[in-house]
């Protein structure tokens, strides 16, 4: 799998536009993030470490904050979304709110900065 841009370019318009919005909000929240992959997922990286990944599937879109603790921290704001350990799934017609994406990025960033590697 290529970078975030490569993945988005391969998608139908509705999926591409919805995930592009997530990526744009995340990049605005973490302007030093760069595109790459982590665990085979197109992702934004900070210092080579995964910040937020995105992927499209046939029936849903996914955001990966690469942390079950981050998903747990925003659980109260995830009514109407499907989740599993480290993943939030949604549909183009019911996208993640920008404020939620910003919060995911800030929480994950704080987690990465607190980790001594």
C-alpha atoms as a PDB file:
ATOM      1  CA  UNK A   1       0.000   0.000   0.000  1.00  0.00           C
ATOM      2  CA  UNK A   2       1.321   3.435  -0.898  1.00  0.00           C
ATOM      3  CA  UNK A   3       1.087   6.725   0.899  1.00  0.00           C
ATOM      4  CA  UNK A   4      -2.104   8.441   1.975  1.00  0.00           C
ATOM      5  CA  UNK A   5      -2.312  10.368  -1.308  1.00  0.00           C
ATOM      6  CA  UNK A   6      -1.869   7.163  -3.327  1.00  0.00           C
ATOM      7  CA  UNK A   7      -4.615   5.420  -1.379  1.00  0.00           C
ATOM      8  CA  UNK A   8      -7.016   8.349  -1.678  1.00  0.00           C
ATOM      9  CA  UNK A   9      -6.377   8.666  -5.422  1.00  0.00           C
ATOM     10  CA  UNK A  10      -7.514   5.067  -5.886  1.00  0.00           C
ATOM     11  CA  UNK A  11     -10.931   5.613  -4.281  1.00  0.00           C
ATOM     12  CA  UNK A  12     -14.344   6.556  -5.651  1.00  0.00           C
ATOM     13  CA  UNK A  13     -15.100  10.274  -5.238  1.00  0.00           C
ATOM     14  CA  UNK A  14     -17.375  10.039  -2.190  1.00  0.00           C
ATOM     15  CA  UNK A  15     -14.932   7.908  -0.201  1.00  0.00           C
ATOM     16  CA  UNK A  16     -11.958   9.982  -1.367  1.00  0.00           C
ATOM     17  CA  UNK A  17     -13.568  13.288  -0.390  1.00  0.00           C
ATOM     18  CA  UNK A  18     -14.628  11.999   3.039  1.00  0.00           C
ATOM     19  CA  UNK A  19     -11.202  10.581   3.888  1.00  0.00           C
ATOM     20  CA  UNK A  20      -9.443  13.622   2.410  1.00  0.00           C
ATOM     21  CA  UNK A  21     -11.353  15.789   4.884  1.00  0.00           C
ATOM     22  CA  UNK A  22     -10.077  13.601   7.763  1.00  0.00           C
ATOM     23  CA  UNK A  23      -6.512  13.827   6.444  1.00  0.00           C
ATOM     24  CA  UNK A  24      -6.771  17.600   5.952  1.00  0.00           C
ATOM     25  CA  UNK A  25      -8.019  18.148   9.508  1.00  0.00           C
ATOM     26  CA  UNK A  26      -5.341  15.840  10.909  1.00  0.00           C
ATOM     27  CA  UNK A  27      -2.589  17.556   8.897  1.00  0.00           C
ATOM     28  CA  UNK A  28      -3.789  20.966  10.024  1.00  0.00           C
ATOM     29  CA  UNK A  29      -3.744  19.765  13.651  1.00  0.00           C
ATOM     30  CA  UNK A  30      -0.275  18.233  13.271  1.00  0.00           C
ATOM     31  CA  UNK A  31       1.435  20.281  10.535  1.00  0.00           C
ATOM     32  CA  UNK A  32       4.749  18.463  10.993  1.00  0.00           C
ATOM     33  CA  UNK A  33       3.186  15.100  10.106  1.00  0.00           C
ATOM     34  CA  UNK A  34       4.306  13.438   6.880  1.00  0.00           C
ATOM     35  CA  UNK A  35       2.683  10.770   4.736  1.00  0.00           C
ATOM     36  CA  UNK A  36       3.753   7.179   4.931  1.00  0.00           C
ATOM     37  CA  UNK A  37       2.464   3.804   6.033  1.00  0.00           C
ATOM     38  CA  UNK A  38       2.334   1.971   9.318  1.00  0.00           C
ATOM     39  CA  UNK A  39       1.286  -1.635   9.786  1.00  0.00           C
ATOM     40  CA  UNK A  40       0.344  -1.605   6.089  1.00  0.00           C
ATOM     41  CA  UNK A  41      -2.061   1.314   6.579  1.00  0.00           C
ATOM     42  CA  UNK A  42      -1.685   4.667   4.785  1.00  0.00           C
ATOM     43  CA  UNK A  43      -0.913   7.058   7.609  1.00  0.00           C
ATOM     44  CA  UNK A  44       0.361  10.386   8.797  1.00  0.00           C
ATOM     45  CA  UNK A  45       3.578   9.948  10.748  1.00  0.00           C
ATOM     46  CA  UNK A  46       5.386  12.120  13.264  1.00  0.00           C
ATOM     47  CA  UNK A  47       9.071  11.384  13.758  1.00  0.00           C
ATOM     48  CA  UNK A  48       8.548   8.132  11.862  1.00  0.00           C
ATOM     49  CA  UNK A  49       5.818   6.978  14.253  1.00  0.00           C
ATOM     50  CA  UNK A  50       2.146   6.475  13.324  1.00  0.00           C
ATOM     51  CA  UNK A  51      -0.175   9.337  14.229  1.00  0.00           C
ATOM     52  CA  UNK A  52      -3.364   8.579  12.290  1.00  0.00           C
ATOM     53  CA  UNK A  53      -4.128   6.092   9.527  1.00  0.00           C
ATOM     54  CA  UNK A  54      -6.994   5.965   7.043  1.00  0.00           C
ATOM     55  CA  UNK A  55      -8.360   3.241   4.832  1.00  0.00           C
ATOM     56  CA  UNK A  56     -11.418   2.553   2.722  1.00  0.00           C
ATOM     57  CA  UNK A  57     -13.193  -0.791   2.587  1.00  0.00           C
ATOM     58  CA  UNK A  58     -16.160  -1.816   0.490  1.00  0.00           C
ATOM     59  CA  UNK A  59     -18.774  -0.930   3.107  1.00  0.00           C
ATOM     60  CA  UNK A  60     -17.046   1.580   5.365  1.00  0.00           C
ATOM     61  CA  UNK A  61     -14.147   3.939   5.943  1.00  0.00           C
ATOM     62  CA  UNK A  62     -11.729   3.545   8.832  1.00  0.00           C
ATOM     63  CA  UNK A  63      -9.568   5.808  10.930  1.00  0.00           C
ATOM     64  CA  UNK A  64      -6.747   4.261  12.927  1.00  0.00           C
ATOM     65  CA  UNK A  65      -5.263   6.274  15.775  1.00  0.00           C
ATOM     66  CA  UNK A  66      -2.999   3.240  16.368  1.00  0.00           C
ATOM     67  CA  UNK A  67      -4.051   3.216  20.007  1.00  0.00           C
ATOM     68  CA  UNK A  68      -6.904   1.551  21.834  1.00  0.00           C
ATOM     69  CA  UNK A  69      -6.380   4.072  24.666  1.00  0.00           C
ATOM     70  CA  UNK A  70      -7.104   6.959  22.282  1.00  0.00           C
ATOM     71  CA  UNK A  71     -10.247   5.252  20.982  1.00  0.00           C
ATOM     72  CA  UNK A  72     -11.323   4.618  24.581  1.00  0.00           C
ATOM     73  CA  UNK A  73     -10.676   8.278  25.473  1.00  0.00           C
ATOM     74  CA  UNK A  74     -13.189   9.489  22.863  1.00  0.00           C
ATOM     75  CA  UNK A  75     -15.681   6.642  23.331  1.00  0.00           C
ATOM     76  CA  UNK A  76     -18.376   8.988  24.651  1.00  0.00           C
ATOM     77  CA  UNK A  77     -18.273  10.850  21.321  1.00  0.00           C
ATOM     78  CA  UNK A  78     -18.566   7.725  19.163  1.00  0.00           C
ATOM     79  CA  UNK A  79     -22.304   7.024  19.315  1.00  0.00           C
ATOM     80  CA  UNK A  80     -23.391   5.973  15.849  1.00  0.00           C
ATOM     81  CA  UNK A  81     -19.916   4.823  14.842  1.00  0.00           C
ATOM     82  CA  UNK A  82     -18.551   1.299  14.852  1.00  0.00           C
ATOM     83  CA  UNK A  83     -15.361   0.715  16.798  1.00  0.00           C
ATOM     84  CA  UNK A  84     -12.918  -2.010  17.627  1.00  0.00           C
ATOM     85  CA  UNK A  85      -9.553  -1.976  19.320  1.00  0.00           C
ATOM     86  CA  UNK A  86      -7.723   0.969  17.767  1.00  0.00           C
ATOM     87  CA  UNK A  87     -10.202   1.525  14.908  1.00  0.00           C
ATOM     88  CA  UNK A  88     -13.179   3.781  14.222  1.00  0.00           C
ATOM     89  CA  UNK A  89     -15.390   2.900  11.256  1.00  0.00           C
ATOM     90  CA  UNK A  90     -17.825   5.253   9.541  1.00  0.00           C
ATOM     91  CA  UNK A  91     -19.570   5.901   6.244  1.00  0.00           C
ATOM     92  CA  UNK A  92     -19.281   8.815   3.823  1.00  0.00           C
ATOM     93  CA  UNK A  93     -22.857   9.809   4.660  1.00  0.00           C
ATOM     94  CA  UNK A  94     -21.996   9.886   8.384  1.00  0.00           C
ATOM     95  CA  UNK A  95     -18.429  11.227   8.572  1.00  0.00           C
ATOM     96  CA  UNK A  96     -16.393  11.880  11.679  1.00  0.00           C
ATOM     97  CA  UNK A  97     -16.822  15.455  12.916  1.00  0.00           C
ATOM     98  CA  UNK A  98     -13.753  17.651  12.441  1.00  0.00           C
ATOM     99  CA  UNK A  99     -13.579  18.294  16.194  1.00  0.00           C
ATOM    100  CA  UNK A 100     -13.379  14.550  16.833  1.00  0.00           C
ATOM    101  CA  UNK A 101     -10.549  14.129  14.323  1.00  0.00           C
ATOM    102  CA  UNK A 102      -8.696  17.032  15.956  1.00  0.00           C
ATOM    103  CA  UNK A 103      -9.135  15.416  19.366  1.00  0.00           C
ATOM    104  CA  UNK A 104      -7.908  12.035  18.092  1.00  0.00           C
ATOM    105  CA  UNK A 105      -4.786  13.670  16.683  1.00  0.00           C
ATOM    106  CA  UNK A 106      -4.088  15.693  19.845  1.00  0.00           C
ATOM    107  CA  UNK A 107      -4.556  12.629  22.070  1.00  0.00           C
ATOM    108  CA  UNK A 108      -2.396  10.409  19.893  1.00  0.00           C
ATOM    109  CA  UNK A 109       0.262  13.125  19.656  1.00  0.00           C
ATOM    110  CA  UNK A 110       0.321  13.456  23.448  1.00  0.00           C
ATOM    111  CA  UNK A 111       0.640   9.682  23.708  1.00  0.00           C
ATOM    112  CA  UNK A 112       3.579   9.640  21.277  1.00  0.00           C
ATOM    113  CA  UNK A 113       5.315  12.511  23.017  1.00  0.00           C
ATOM    114  CA  UNK A 114       4.929  10.778  26.361  1.00  0.00           C
ATOM    115  CA  UNK A 115       6.467   7.573  25.025  1.00  0.00           C
ATOM    116  CA  UNK A 116      10.228   7.396  25.409  1.00  0.00           C
ATOM    117  CA  UNK A 117      10.321   4.835  22.543  1.00  0.00           C
END
